[in-house]
Amino acid sequence: MNSNIYNKADQMRSAARQKNGDYGNPELQGEGNYTASRRYRKYVDAFLETGQVIEAAKAAAPNTEAERRELKAAESEARSHARK
């Protein structure tokens, strides 16, 4: 019986390799992707060095009262799902 379970697992891994073509590729990472984290920090640091943070924040601000209310409602909804 246990050998059936292992055979099924092997079959599933083989199918995933064939379907994705990237199964087991060490370059691809899931959660904890250190490469992506380093790249993100690099671009954030570069953006911060441009000195355009305040301008970007102003550009992202809501333009109308209705948009402001919509963003506030979305923020409240998101916070309601946050861990406490």
PDB file of N, CA and C in Angstrom:
ATOM      1  N   MET A   1       0.836  -1.200   0.000  1.00  0.00           N
ATOM      2  CA  MET A   1       0.000   0.000   0.000  1.00  0.00           C
ATOM      3  C   MET A   1       0.874   1.255   0.000  1.00  0.00           C
ATOM      4  N   ASN A   2       1.906   1.292   0.845  1.00  0.00           N
ATOM      5  CA  ASN A   2       2.769   2.468   0.891  1.00  0.00           C
ATOM      6  C   ASN A   2       3.465   2.706  -0.440  1.00  0.00           C
ATOM      7  N   SER A   3       3.822   1.622  -1.141  1.00  0.00           N
ATOM      8  CA  SER A   3       4.487   1.797  -2.427  1.00  0.00           C
ATOM      9  C   SER A   3       3.550   2.468  -3.432  1.00  0.00           C
ATOM     10  N   ASN A   4       2.258   2.219  -3.330  1.00  0.00           N
ATOM     11  CA  ASN A   4       1.292   2.900  -4.200  1.00  0.00           C
ATOM     12  C   ASN A   4       1.293   4.395  -3.960  1.00  0.00           C
ATOM     13  N   ILE A   5       1.383   4.794  -2.708  1.00  0.00           N
ATOM     14  CA  ILE A   5       1.401   6.218  -2.363  1.00  0.00           C
ATOM     15  C   ILE A   5       2.648   6.866  -2.950  1.00  0.00           C
ATOM     16  N   TYR A   6       3.801   6.197  -2.799  1.00  0.00           N
ATOM     17  CA  TYR A   6       5.040   6.756  -3.321  1.00  0.00           C
ATOM     18  C   TYR A   6       5.027   6.810  -4.841  1.00  0.00           C
ATOM     19  N   ASN A   7       4.481   5.778  -5.478  1.00  0.00           N
ATOM     20  CA  ASN A   7       4.389   5.776  -6.939  1.00  0.00           C
ATOM     21  C   ASN A   7       3.503   6.915  -7.424  1.00  0.00           C
ATOM     22  N   LYS A   8       2.400   7.139  -6.745  1.00  0.00           N
ATOM     23  CA  LYS A   8       1.486   8.226  -7.118  1.00  0.00           C
ATOM     24  C   LYS A   8       2.194   9.577  -6.969  1.00  0.00           C
ATOM     25  N   ALA A   9       2.952   9.750  -5.887  1.00  0.00           N
ATOM     26  CA  ALA A   9       3.680  11.000  -5.672  1.00  0.00           C
ATOM     27  C   ALA A   9       4.708  11.210  -6.780  1.00  0.00           C
ATOM     28  N   ASP A  10       5.406  10.142  -7.169  1.00  0.00           N
ATOM     29  CA  ASP A  10       6.374  10.245  -8.266  1.00  0.00           C
ATOM     30  C   ASP A  10       5.689  10.628  -9.575  1.00  0.00           C
ATOM     31  N   GLN A  11       4.539  10.045  -9.815  1.00  0.00           N
ATOM     32  CA  GLN A  11       3.795  10.369 -11.029  1.00  0.00           C
ATOM     33  C   GLN A  11       3.375  11.836 -11.038  1.00  0.00           C
ATOM     34  N   MET A  12       2.949  12.338  -9.899  1.00  0.00           N
ATOM     35  CA  MET A  12       2.516  13.732  -9.809  1.00  0.00           C
ATOM     36  C   MET A  12       3.706  14.674 -10.028  1.00  0.00           C
ATOM     37  N   ARG A  13       4.860  14.339  -9.459  1.00  0.00           N
ATOM     38  CA  ARG A  13       6.054  15.168  -9.660  1.00  0.00           C
ATOM     39  C   ARG A  13       6.453  15.176 -11.130  1.00  0.00           C
ATOM     40  N   SER A  14       6.406  14.017 -11.775  1.00  0.00           N
ATOM     41  CA  SER A  14       6.758  13.924 -13.197  1.00  0.00           C
ATOM     42  C   SER A  14       5.802  14.757 -14.038  1.00  0.00           C
ATOM     43  N   ALA A  15       4.525  14.691 -13.722  1.00  0.00           N
ATOM     44  CA  ALA A  15       3.534  15.474 -14.457  1.00  0.00           C
ATOM     45  C   ALA A  15       3.793  16.966 -14.276  1.00  0.00           C
ATOM     46  N   ALA A  16       4.152  17.380 -13.056  1.00  0.00           N
ATOM     47  CA  ALA A  16       4.432  18.790 -12.795  1.00  0.00           C
ATOM     48  C   ALA A  16       5.659  19.239 -13.585  1.00  0.00           C
ATOM     49  N   ARG A  17       6.680  18.396 -13.645  1.00  0.00           N
ATOM     50  CA  ARG A  17       7.877  18.742 -14.416  1.00  0.00           C
ATOM     51  C   ARG A  17       7.542  18.929 -15.889  1.00  0.00           C
ATOM     52  N   GLN A  18       6.749  18.032 -16.413  1.00  0.00           N
ATOM     53  CA  GLN A  18       6.393  18.110 -17.826  1.00  0.00           C
ATOM     54  C   GLN A  18       5.519  19.328 -18.110  1.00  0.00           C
ATOM     55  N   LYS A  19       4.588  19.594 -17.224  1.00  0.00           N
ATOM     56  CA  LYS A  19       3.661  20.707 -17.436  1.00  0.00           C
ATOM     57  C   LYS A  19       4.376  22.048 -17.320  1.00  0.00           C
ATOM     58  N   ASN A  20       5.145  22.220 -16.255  1.00  0.00           N
ATOM     59  CA  ASN A  20       5.770  23.509 -15.974  1.00  0.00           C
ATOM     60  C   ASN A  20       7.115  23.688 -16.650  1.00  0.00           C
ATOM     61  N   GLY A  21       7.815  22.608 -16.850  1.00  0.00           N
ATOM     62  CA  GLY A  21       9.131  22.700 -17.445  1.00  0.00           C
ATOM     63  C   GLY A  21      10.158  23.324 -16.522  1.00  0.00           C
ATOM     64  N   ASP A  22       9.752  23.745 -15.338  1.00  0.00           N
ATOM     65  CA  ASP A  22      10.680  24.421 -14.435  1.00  0.00           C
ATOM     66  C   ASP A  22      10.697  23.775 -13.056  1.00  0.00           C
ATOM     67  N   TYR A  23      10.051  22.652 -12.912  1.00  0.00           N
ATOM     68  CA  TYR A  23       9.953  22.011 -11.610  1.00  0.00           C
ATOM     69  C   TYR A  23      11.343  21.650 -11.121  1.00  0.00           C
ATOM     70  N   GLY A  24      11.670  22.061  -9.931  1.00  0.00           N
ATOM     71  CA  GLY A  24      12.965  21.749  -9.353  1.00  0.00           C
ATOM     72  C   GLY A  24      14.064  22.716  -9.752  1.00  0.00           C
ATOM     73  N   ASN A  25      13.748  23.751 -10.485  1.00  0.00           N
ATOM     74  CA  ASN A  25      14.747  24.723 -10.906  1.00  0.00           C
ATOM     75  C   ASN A  25      15.153  25.562  -9.701  1.00  0.00           C
ATOM     76  N   PRO A  26      16.430  25.512  -9.302  1.00  0.00           N
ATOM     77  CA  PRO A  26      16.853  26.260  -8.112  1.00  0.00           C
ATOM     78  C   PRO A  26      16.782  27.771  -8.292  1.00  0.00           C
ATOM     79  N   GLU A  27      16.684  28.247  -9.546  1.00  0.00           N
ATOM     80  CA  GLU A  27      16.572  29.678  -9.780  1.00  0.00           C
ATOM     81  C   GLU A  27      15.191  30.209  -9.399  1.00  0.00           C
ATOM     82  N   LEU A  28      14.191  29.330  -9.407  1.00  0.00           N
ATOM     83  CA  LEU A  28      12.825  29.727  -9.081  1.00  0.00           C
ATOM     84  C   LEU A  28      12.576  29.462  -7.616  1.00  0.00           C
ATOM     85  N   GLN A  29      12.026  30.458  -6.941  1.00  0.00           N
ATOM     86  CA  GLN A  29      11.783  30.340  -5.514  1.00  0.00           C
ATOM     87  C   GLN A  29      10.347  30.744  -5.223  1.00  0.00           C
ATOM     88  N   GLY A  30       9.812  30.212  -4.148  1.00  0.00           N
ATOM     89  CA  GLY A  30       8.474  30.595  -3.721  1.00  0.00           C
ATOM     90  C   GLY A  30       8.576  31.650  -2.647  1.00  0.00           C
ATOM     91  N   GLU A  31       7.862  31.428  -1.544  1.00  0.00           N
ATOM     92  CA  GLU A  31       7.961  32.357  -0.426  1.00  0.00           C
ATOM     93  C   GLU A  31       9.400  32.362   0.065  1.00  0.00           C
ATOM     94  N   GLY A  32       9.858  33.520   0.486  1.00  0.00           N
ATOM     95  CA  GLY A  32      11.237  33.620   0.933  1.00  0.00           C
ATOM     96  C   GLY A  32      12.189  33.756  -0.231  1.00  0.00           C
ATOM     97  N   ASN A  33      11.742  34.369  -1.303  1.00  0.00           N
ATOM     98  CA  ASN A  33      12.562  34.531  -2.501  1.00  0.00           C
ATOM     99  C   ASN A  33      13.584  35.630  -2.226  1.00  0.00           C
ATOM    100  N   TYR A  34      14.788  35.209  -1.864  1.00  0.00           N
ATOM    101  CA  TYR A  34      15.829  36.161  -1.477  1.00  0.00           C
ATOM    102  C   TYR A  34      16.289  37.014  -2.654  1.00  0.00           C
ATOM    103  N   THR A  35      16.318  36.432  -3.825  1.00  0.00           N
ATOM    104  CA  THR A  35      16.733  37.174  -5.008  1.00  0.00           C
ATOM    105  C   THR A  35      15.767  38.324  -5.280  1.00  0.00           C
ATOM    106  N   ALA A  36      14.481  38.025  -5.222  1.00  0.00           N
ATOM    107  CA  ALA A  36      13.479  39.072  -5.448  1.00  0.00           C
ATOM    108  C   ALA A  36      13.529  40.124  -4.346  1.00  0.00           C
ATOM    109  N   SER A  37      13.779  39.702  -3.119  1.00  0.00           N
ATOM    110  CA  SER A  37      13.865  40.666  -2.011  1.00  0.00           C
ATOM    111  C   SER A  37      15.029  41.620  -2.204  1.00  0.00           C
ATOM    112  N   ARG A  38      16.170  41.071  -2.600  1.00  0.00           N
ATOM    113  CA  ARG A  38      17.327  41.945  -2.840  1.00  0.00           C
ATOM    114  C   ARG A  38      17.049  42.910  -3.984  1.00  0.00           C
ATOM    115  N   ARG A  39      16.440  42.425  -5.066  1.00  0.00           N
ATOM    116  CA  ARG A  39      16.134  43.273  -6.218  1.00  0.00           C
ATOM    117  C   ARG A  39      15.152  44.380  -5.804  1.00  0.00           C
ATOM    118  N   TYR A  40      14.126  44.028  -5.036  1.00  0.00           N
ATOM    119  CA  TYR A  40      13.144  45.010  -4.576  1.00  0.00           C
ATOM    120  C   TYR A  40      13.823  46.093  -3.729  1.00  0.00           C
ATOM    121  N   ARG A  41      14.643  45.669  -2.762  1.00  0.00           N
ATOM    122  CA  ARG A  41      15.339  46.653  -1.909  1.00  0.00           C
ATOM    123  C   ARG A  41      16.237  47.566  -2.734  1.00  0.00           C
ATOM    124  N   LYS A  42      16.887  46.991  -3.746  1.00  0.00           N
ATOM    125  CA  LYS A  42      17.768  47.783  -4.612  1.00  0.00           C
ATOM    126  C   LYS A  42      16.975  48.888  -5.309  1.00  0.00           C
ATOM    127  N   TYR A  43      15.811  48.531  -5.864  1.00  0.00           N
ATOM    128  CA  TYR A  43      14.999  49.522  -6.574  1.00  0.00           C
ATOM    129  C   TYR A  43      14.361  50.536  -5.619  1.00  0.00           C
ATOM    130  N   VAL A  44      13.974  50.094  -4.442  1.00  0.00           N
ATOM    131  CA  VAL A  44      13.424  51.035  -3.451  1.00  0.00           C
ATOM    132  C   VAL A  44      14.502  52.026  -3.045  1.00  0.00           C
ATOM    133  N   ASP A  45      15.700  51.525  -2.750  1.00  0.00           N
ATOM    134  CA  ASP A  45      16.790  52.426  -2.369  1.00  0.00           C
ATOM    135  C   ASP A  45      17.099  53.417  -3.485  1.00  0.00           C
ATOM    136  N   ALA A  46      17.108  52.937  -4.729  1.00  0.00           N
ATOM    137  CA  ALA A  46      17.379  53.821  -5.860  1.00  0.00           C
ATOM    138  C   ALA A  46      16.296  54.893  -5.972  1.00  0.00           C
ATOM    139  N   PHE A  47      15.033  54.509  -5.766  1.00  0.00           N
ATOM    140  CA  PHE A  47      13.944  55.479  -5.826  1.00  0.00           C
ATOM    141  C   PHE A  47      14.072  56.510  -4.713  1.00  0.00           C
ATOM    142  N   LEU A  48      14.386  56.037  -3.513  1.00  0.00           N
ATOM    143  CA  LEU A  48      14.528  56.972  -2.397  1.00  0.00           C
ATOM    144  C   LEU A  48      15.641  57.978  -2.649  1.00  0.00           C
ATOM    145  N   GLU A  49      16.694  57.548  -3.304  1.00  0.00           N
ATOM    146  CA  GLU A  49      17.815  58.440  -3.595  1.00  0.00           C
ATOM    147  C   GLU A  49      17.455  59.510  -4.625  1.00  0.00           C
ATOM    148  N   THR A  50      16.411  59.288  -5.415  1.00  0.00           N
ATOM    149  CA  THR A  50      16.022  60.291  -6.414  1.00  0.00           C
ATOM    150  C   THR A  50      15.419  61.525  -5.760  1.00  0.00           C
ATOM    151  N   GLY A  51      14.926  61.379  -4.530  1.00  0.00           N
ATOM    152  CA  GLY A  51      14.318  62.513  -3.844  1.00  0.00           C
ATOM    153  C   GLY A  51      12.912  62.822  -4.318  1.00  0.00           C
ATOM    154  N   GLN A  52      12.280  61.898  -5.033  1.00  0.00           N
ATOM    155  CA  GLN A  52      10.948  62.143  -5.587  1.00  0.00           C
ATOM    156  C   GLN A  52       9.836  61.502  -4.777  1.00  0.00           C
ATOM    157  N   VAL A  53      10.109  61.187  -3.530  1.00  0.00           N
ATOM    158  CA  VAL A  53       9.125  60.489  -2.704  1.00  0.00           C
ATOM    159  C   VAL A  53       7.901  61.359  -2.451  1.00  0.00           C
ATOM    160  N   ILE A  54       8.111  62.604  -2.104  1.00  0.00           N
ATOM    161  CA  ILE A  54       6.989  63.499  -1.800  1.00  0.00           C
ATOM    162  C   ILE A  54       6.136  63.723  -3.042  1.00  0.00           C
ATOM    163  N   GLU A  55       6.786  63.921  -4.200  1.00  0.00           N
ATOM    164  CA  GLU A  55       6.041  64.110  -5.436  1.00  0.00           C
ATOM    165  C   GLU A  55       5.212  62.868  -5.768  1.00  0.00           C
ATOM    166  N   ALA A  56       5.792  61.678  -5.556  1.00  0.00           N
ATOM    167  CA  ALA A  56       5.071  60.434  -5.832  1.00  0.00           C
ATOM    168  C   ALA A  56       3.888  60.278  -4.885  1.00  0.00           C
ATOM    169  N   ALA A  57       4.070  60.669  -3.631  1.00  0.00           N
ATOM    170  CA  ALA A  57       2.974  60.580  -2.667  1.00  0.00           C
ATOM    171  C   ALA A  57       1.840  61.526  -3.047  1.00  0.00           C
ATOM    172  N   LYS A  58       2.190  62.709  -3.482  1.00  0.00           N
ATOM    173  CA  LYS A  58       1.168  63.671  -3.915  1.00  0.00           C
ATOM    174  C   LYS A  58       0.432  63.171  -5.152  1.00  0.00           C
ATOM    175  N   ALA A  59       1.162  62.562  -6.076  1.00  0.00           N
ATOM    176  CA  ALA A  59       0.547  62.033  -7.298  1.00  0.00           C
ATOM    177  C   ALA A  59      -0.391  60.872  -6.985  1.00  0.00           C
ATOM    178  N   ALA A  60      -0.100  60.130  -5.922  1.00  0.00           N
ATOM    179  CA  ALA A  60      -0.924  58.974  -5.559  1.00  0.00           C
ATOM    180  C   ALA A  60      -2.130  59.365  -4.710  1.00  0.00           C
ATOM    181  N   ALA A  61      -2.152  60.584  -4.218  1.00  0.00           N
ATOM    182  CA  ALA A  61      -3.249  61.039  -3.363  1.00  0.00           C
ATOM    183  C   ALA A  61      -4.556  61.096  -4.161  1.00  0.00           C
ATOM    184  N   PRO A  62      -5.675  60.883  -3.479  1.00  0.00           N
ATOM    185  CA  PRO A  62      -6.967  60.945  -4.174  1.00  0.00           C
ATOM    186  C   PRO A  62      -7.223  62.352  -4.723  1.00  0.00           C
ATOM    187  N   ASN A  63      -7.854  62.393  -5.894  1.00  0.00           N
ATOM    188  CA  ASN A  63      -8.114  63.672  -6.550  1.00  0.00           C
ATOM    189  C   ASN A  63      -9.475  64.257  -6.200  1.00  0.00           C
ATOM    190  N   THR A  64     -10.405  63.403  -5.777  1.00  0.00           N
ATOM    191  CA  THR A  64     -11.749  63.881  -5.464  1.00  0.00           C
ATOM    192  C   THR A  64     -12.167  63.345  -4.095  1.00  0.00           C
ATOM    193  N   GLU A  65     -13.199  63.934  -3.561  1.00  0.00           N
ATOM    194  CA  GLU A  65     -13.740  63.484  -2.276  1.00  0.00           C
ATOM    195  C   GLU A  65     -14.277  62.055  -2.393  1.00  0.00           C
ATOM    196  N   ALA A  66     -14.900  61.744  -3.512  1.00  0.00           N
ATOM    197  CA  ALA A  66     -15.433  60.393  -3.718  1.00  0.00           C
ATOM    198  C   ALA A  66     -14.298  59.365  -3.751  1.00  0.00           C
ATOM    199  N   GLU A  67     -13.207  59.715  -4.397  1.00  0.00           N
ATOM    200  CA  GLU A  67     -12.051  58.810  -4.452  1.00  0.00           C
ATOM    201  C   GLU A  67     -11.446  58.632  -3.054  1.00  0.00           C
ATOM    202  N   ARG A  68     -11.412  59.722  -2.286  1.00  0.00           N
ATOM    203  CA  ARG A  68     -10.887  59.645  -0.918  1.00  0.00           C
ATOM    204  C   ARG A  68     -11.740  58.700  -0.081  1.00  0.00           C
ATOM    205  N   ARG A  69     -13.063  58.816  -0.192  1.00  0.00           N
ATOM    206  CA  ARG A  69     -13.961  57.932   0.566  1.00  0.00           C
ATOM    207  C   ARG A  69     -13.778  56.467   0.143  1.00  0.00           C
ATOM    208  N   GLU A  70     -13.622  56.262  -1.157  1.00  0.00           N
ATOM    209  CA  GLU A  70     -13.433  54.902  -1.675  1.00  0.00           C
ATOM    210  C   GLU A  70     -12.132  54.282  -1.123  1.00  0.00           C
ATOM    211  N   LEU A  71     -11.077  55.070  -1.101  1.00  0.00           N
ATOM    212  CA  LEU A  71      -9.807  54.571  -0.568  1.00  0.00           C
ATOM    213  C   LEU A  71      -9.898  54.302   0.934  1.00  0.00           C
ATOM    214  N   LYS A  72     -10.593  55.163   1.659  1.00  0.00           N
ATOM    215  CA  LYS A  72     -10.780  54.963   3.101  1.00  0.00           C
ATOM    216  C   LYS A  72     -11.566  53.688   3.367  1.00  0.00           C
ATOM    217  N   ALA A  73     -12.606  53.444   2.571  1.00  0.00           N
ATOM    218  CA  ALA A  73     -13.414  52.236   2.741  1.00  0.00           C
ATOM    219  C   ALA A  73     -12.581  50.993   2.450  1.00  0.00           C
ATOM    220  N   ALA A  74     -11.751  51.055   1.414  1.00  0.00           N
ATOM    221  CA  ALA A  74     -10.887  49.917   1.084  1.00  0.00           C
ATOM    222  C   ALA A  74      -9.875  49.673   2.198  1.00  0.00           C
ATOM    223  N   GLU A  75      -9.349  50.745   2.765  1.00  0.00           N
ATOM    224  CA  GLU A  75      -8.396  50.603   3.870  1.00  0.00           C
ATOM    225  C   GLU A  75      -9.077  49.972   5.082  1.00  0.00           C
ATOM    226  N   SER A  76     -10.275  50.418   5.398  1.00  0.00           N
ATOM    227  CA  SER A  76     -11.015  49.852   6.530  1.00  0.00           C
ATOM    228  C   SER A  76     -11.294  48.373   6.313  1.00  0.00           C
ATOM    229  N   GLU A  77     -11.678  48.022   5.095  1.00  0.00           N
ATOM    230  CA  GLU A  77     -11.938  46.617   4.766  1.00  0.00           C
ATOM    231  C   GLU A  77     -10.674  45.778   4.936  1.00  0.00           C
ATOM    232  N   ALA A  78      -9.568  46.275   4.439  1.00  0.00           N
ATOM    233  CA  ALA A  78      -8.306  45.536   4.550  1.00  0.00           C
ATOM    234  C   ALA A  78      -7.886  45.395   6.010  1.00  0.00           C
ATOM    235  N   ARG A  79      -8.037  46.450   6.781  1.00  0.00           N
ATOM    236  CA  ARG A  79      -7.653  46.390   8.199  1.00  0.00           C
ATOM    237  C   ARG A  79      -8.543  45.430   8.984  1.00  0.00           C
ATOM    238  N   SER A  80      -9.761  45.245   8.539  1.00  0.00           N
ATOM    239  CA  SER A  80     -10.663  44.342   9.258  1.00  0.00           C
ATOM    240  C   SER A  80     -10.206  42.891   9.140  1.00  0.00           C
ATOM    241  N   HIS A  81      -9.379  42.605   8.139  1.00  0.00           N
ATOM    242  CA  HIS A  81      -8.876  41.249   7.939  1.00  0.00           C
ATOM    243  C   HIS A  81      -7.496  41.043   8.563  1.00  0.00           C
ATOM    244  N   ALA A  82      -6.903  42.104   9.064  1.00  0.00           N
ATOM    245  CA  ALA A  82      -5.539  42.024   9.596  1.00  0.00           C
ATOM    246  C   ALA A  82      -5.523  41.295  10.929  1.00  0.00           C
ATOM    247  N   ARG A  83      -4.419  40.639  11.185  1.00  0.00           N
ATOM    248  CA  ARG A  83      -4.252  39.999  12.498  1.00  0.00           C
ATOM    249  C   ARG A  83      -4.065  41.062  13.559  1.00  0.00           C
ATOM    250  N   LYS A  84      -4.519  40.712  14.728  1.00  0.00           N
ATOM    251  CA  LYS A  84      -4.391  41.683  15.822  1.00  0.00           C
ATOM    252  C   LYS A  84      -3.472  41.156  16.865  1.00  0.00           C
TER     253      LYS A  84
END
